[in-house]
Protein backbone atom coordinates (compact mmCIF):
# COMPACT_ATOMS: atom_id res chain seq x y z
CA MET A 1 -83.12 129.30 26.97
CA ASN A 2 -81.64 128.86 23.50
CA LYS A 3 -83.40 130.40 20.53
CA ILE A 4 -84.67 127.72 18.16
CA ILE A 5 -86.05 128.08 14.63
CA THR A 6 -87.85 125.11 13.09
CA ILE A 7 -88.43 124.77 9.36
CA SER A 8 -91.29 122.71 7.95
CA ARG A 9 -91.47 122.75 4.19
CA GLU A 10 -93.16 121.43 1.09
CA PHE A 11 -90.90 119.38 -1.15
CA GLY A 12 -89.27 121.59 -3.78
CA SER A 13 -90.18 124.86 -2.05
CA GLY A 14 -86.58 125.66 -1.09
CA GLY A 15 -87.24 125.38 2.63
CA ARG A 16 -84.02 123.49 3.33
CA GLU A 17 -81.92 126.12 1.53
CA LEU A 18 -83.83 128.91 3.24
CA GLY A 19 -83.16 127.37 6.65
CA ARG A 20 -79.47 126.91 5.96
CA ARG A 21 -79.06 130.48 4.74
CA ILE A 22 -80.95 131.85 7.76
CA ALA A 23 -78.62 129.90 10.06
CA ASP A 24 -75.58 131.25 8.18
CA LYS A 25 -76.91 134.81 8.37
CA LEU A 26 -77.60 134.53 12.10
CA GLN A 27 -74.39 132.56 12.67
CA ILE A 28 -76.15 129.78 14.54
CA ALA A 29 -76.13 125.99 14.24
CA TYR A 30 -78.02 124.26 11.42
CA TYR A 31 -79.35 120.72 11.82
CA ASP A 32 -80.76 118.59 9.02
CA GLN A 33 -78.55 115.81 7.64
CA GLU A 34 -76.55 116.24 10.84
CA ILE A 35 -79.42 114.58 12.72
CA ILE A 36 -79.25 111.53 10.45
CA ASN A 37 -75.45 111.38 10.77
CA GLU A 38 -75.69 111.36 14.56
CA LEU A 39 -78.45 108.75 14.47
CA ILE A 40 -76.26 106.47 12.34
CA LYS A 41 -73.49 106.75 14.93
CA ARG A 42 -75.83 105.66 17.70
CA THR A 43 -77.61 102.80 15.91
CA ASN A 44 -77.00 99.96 13.48
CA PHE A 45 -79.25 101.60 10.88
CA THR A 46 -77.88 102.64 7.50
CA GLU A 47 -78.50 106.08 6.02
CA GLY A 48 -80.62 104.51 3.27
CA TYR A 49 -82.88 102.79 5.78
CA LEU A 50 -83.33 105.96 7.83
CA HIS A 51 -84.31 107.89 4.71
CA GLN A 52 -86.80 105.14 3.88
CA ILE A 53 -88.43 105.70 7.25
CA GLU A 54 -88.68 109.43 6.53
CA ASP A 55 -89.67 109.37 2.88
CA SER A 56 -91.80 106.27 2.39
CA ASN A 57 -94.70 104.39 3.88
CA LEU A 58 -92.54 101.29 4.45
CA ILE A 59 -93.92 100.68 7.95
CA PRO A 60 -96.00 103.24 9.87
CA LEU A 61 -94.24 104.63 12.94
CA LEU A 62 -95.75 104.56 16.38
CA PRO A 63 -96.39 107.88 18.09
CA ILE A 64 -94.56 108.55 21.35
CA THR A 65 -97.67 108.22 23.50
CA ILE A 66 -98.96 104.88 22.20
CA GLY A 67 -98.87 101.81 24.42
CA ARG A 68 -98.14 98.21 23.50
CA THR A 69 -101.73 97.44 22.58
CA PHE A 70 -100.93 95.65 19.31
CA SER A 71 -100.05 91.99 18.88
CA SER A 72 -96.45 91.17 19.77
CA GLN A 73 -95.71 90.12 16.18
CA PHE A 74 -96.93 93.45 14.80
CA TYR A 75 -95.04 95.42 17.42
CA GLN A 76 -91.81 93.51 16.78
CA ALA A 77 -92.07 94.36 13.08
CA MET A 78 -92.34 98.03 13.95
CA GLU A 79 -89.78 98.06 16.75
CA PRO A 80 -86.75 99.15 14.65
CA ASN A 81 -88.67 102.09 13.21
CA GLN A 82 -89.96 103.18 16.58
CA SER A 83 -86.51 102.85 18.08
CA ALA A 84 -85.04 105.07 15.35
CA PHE A 85 -87.81 107.63 15.84
CA LEU A 86 -87.31 107.84 19.61
CA LYS A 87 -83.52 108.08 19.30
CA GLN A 88 -83.98 110.82 16.70
CA ASN A 89 -86.17 112.74 19.11
CA ALA A 90 -83.52 112.47 21.81
CA ILE A 91 -80.87 113.78 19.41
CA ILE A 92 -83.03 116.75 18.40
CA LYS A 93 -83.56 117.67 22.05
CA GLU A 94 -79.84 117.40 22.74
CA MET A 95 -79.02 119.64 19.78
CA ALA A 96 -81.57 122.20 20.91
CA GLU A 97 -79.88 122.22 24.33
CA LYS A 98 -76.44 123.03 22.92
CA SER A 99 -77.03 126.44 21.33
CA ASP A 100 -79.27 128.64 19.21
CA CYS A 101 -80.11 126.69 16.07
CA VAL A 102 -82.22 126.03 12.99
CA ILE A 103 -83.75 122.54 12.76
CA VAL A 104 -85.33 121.26 9.55
CA GLY A 105 -88.35 118.94 9.59
CA ARG A 106 -88.74 115.82 11.74
CA CYS A 107 -91.65 117.25 13.79
CA ALA A 108 -89.15 119.46 15.65
CA ASP A 109 -91.68 122.29 15.95
CA TYR A 110 -93.98 120.01 17.95
CA LEU A 111 -91.28 118.06 19.76
CA LEU A 112 -89.67 121.26 21.06
CA SER A 113 -92.91 123.15 21.70
CA ASP A 114 -92.04 123.62 25.38
CA ARG A 115 -89.00 125.65 24.25
CA LYS A 116 -91.23 127.97 22.21
CA PRO A 117 -89.37 127.76 18.88
CA LEU A 118 -90.02 130.17 16.05
CA ARG A 119 -91.98 127.87 13.75
CA ILE A 120 -91.68 128.52 10.01
CA PHE A 121 -93.59 126.77 7.23
CA VAL A 122 -92.29 127.15 3.65
CA TYR A 123 -94.49 126.49 0.62
CA ALA A 124 -94.76 127.31 -3.08
CA ASP A 125 -97.04 126.65 -6.02
CA MET A 126 -96.60 123.43 -7.99
CA ALA A 127 -95.15 124.99 -11.14
CA PHE A 128 -92.39 126.65 -9.12
CA LYS A 129 -91.60 123.45 -7.22
CA VAL A 130 -91.41 121.42 -10.42
CA ALA A 131 -89.11 123.99 -12.05
CA ARG A 132 -86.87 124.10 -8.98
CA CYS A 133 -86.64 120.31 -8.81
CA LEU A 134 -85.83 120.07 -12.53
CA LYS A 135 -82.86 122.38 -12.00
CA LYS A 136 -81.59 120.20 -9.18
CA CYS A 137 -82.08 116.83 -10.87
CA GLU A 138 -78.84 115.08 -11.73
CA ALA A 139 -78.27 113.92 -15.28
CA ALA A 140 -78.39 110.33 -14.05
CA GLU A 141 -81.90 110.88 -12.71
CA PRO A 142 -83.92 112.63 -15.41
CA PHE A 143 -87.58 113.30 -14.66
CA THR A 144 -90.40 114.63 -16.79
CA ASP A 145 -92.63 117.41 -15.46
CA ASP A 146 -95.41 114.90 -14.81
CA GLU A 147 -93.09 112.53 -12.96
CA LEU A 148 -91.84 115.32 -10.75
CA ARG A 149 -95.37 116.49 -10.08
CA GLN A 150 -96.30 113.01 -8.87
CA LYS A 151 -93.13 112.73 -6.79
CA ILE A 152 -93.78 116.08 -5.10
CA LYS A 153 -97.38 115.17 -4.34
CA SER A 154 -96.34 111.78 -2.97
CA ILE A 155 -93.62 113.16 -0.68
CA ASP A 156 -95.81 115.97 0.62
CA LYS A 157 -98.64 113.51 1.25
CA HIS A 158 -96.30 111.33 3.28
CA ARG A 159 -94.95 114.32 5.22
CA ALA A 160 -98.50 115.34 6.09
CA LYS A 161 -99.38 111.82 7.29
CA TYR A 162 -96.13 111.48 9.23
CA TYR A 163 -96.65 114.83 10.94
CA GLN A 164 -100.28 114.22 11.79
CA PHE A 165 -99.56 110.71 13.08
CA HIS A 166 -96.88 111.91 15.49
CA THR A 167 -98.35 115.25 16.53
CA GLY A 168 -102.11 115.05 16.05
CA GLN A 169 -101.85 118.33 14.15
CA THR A 170 -102.35 119.22 10.50
CA TRP A 171 -99.12 119.74 8.58
CA GLY A 172 -99.18 123.13 6.87
CA ASP A 173 -102.07 124.52 8.95
CA LYS A 174 -101.09 128.16 9.41
CA SER A 175 -102.49 128.22 12.96
CA PHE A 176 -99.60 125.96 14.06
CA TYR A 177 -96.85 128.22 12.69
CA ASP A 178 -95.49 131.65 13.53
CA LEU A 179 -94.42 132.50 10.00
CA CYS A 180 -95.59 131.03 6.67
CA ILE A 181 -93.41 131.88 3.65
CA ASN A 182 -94.44 131.52 0.01
CA THR A 183 -91.23 131.12 -2.00
CA THR A 184 -92.95 131.07 -5.41
CA SER A 185 -90.80 133.04 -7.87
CA VAL A 186 -88.70 134.34 -4.97
CA GLU A 187 -84.90 134.39 -4.88
CA ILE A 188 -84.10 132.28 -1.80
CA LYS A 189 -80.89 134.11 -0.92
CA GLY A 190 -82.64 137.47 -0.76
CA MET A 191 -85.61 136.03 1.10
CA SER A 192 -83.34 134.43 3.69
CA ALA A 193 -81.67 137.77 4.41
CA THR A 194 -85.06 139.42 4.85
CA VAL A 195 -86.28 136.67 7.18
CA ALA A 196 -83.03 136.71 9.17
CA ASN A 197 -83.36 140.46 9.68
CA LEU A 198 -86.97 140.00 10.78
CA ILE A 199 -85.91 137.27 13.20
CA GLN A 200 -83.19 139.48 14.65
CA GLN A 201 -85.72 142.23 15.31
CA TYR A 202 -88.26 139.77 16.66
CA GLY A 203 -85.57 138.17 18.77
CA LYS A 204 -84.85 141.35 20.70
CA ASP A 205 -87.66 140.36 23.02
CA GLY A 206 -86.49 136.74 23.12
CA TRP A 207 -89.29 135.46 20.84
């Protein structure tokens, strides 16, 4: 069975960068935007629409296990979102079948639970996340500290709702993860090397 590492992360914590660097260090596949790109190929959805599904409360998504108990009109309104979600799940499973890999977000830790992934949650304090986001903001999109604070809170709130809705579990609850990493005031490159070395040692027994 392939070795799979899933990364769940607070917005601005550096979790995406950490995951990518871990994959590079271990020389394994890395899947994040790649999932969206593949989903675009298989559907008529645009990248902007797919990111709306992920990052906003445009229309709530239906969990995998729910039946058609709603009115037909309500279900039809939600059908495109549900279709995208199910196709995304299929893509994630296919990618996990191909090789050892790191997968970022998208409930992959829960979706692939039968494959026993190494589940990592990345977090940081608000001041660090704001400072990190400010460094990454493009000149065309200036934000104040307060605006970024609100954006971070909003995105993390949505991620928590999205995760709980689809998994029935609490996003960020340490009991659902194998490794929780606080990146506050930590240099991500150095941290990724440390985590990769830990994973290599842990992986000797197949994790």
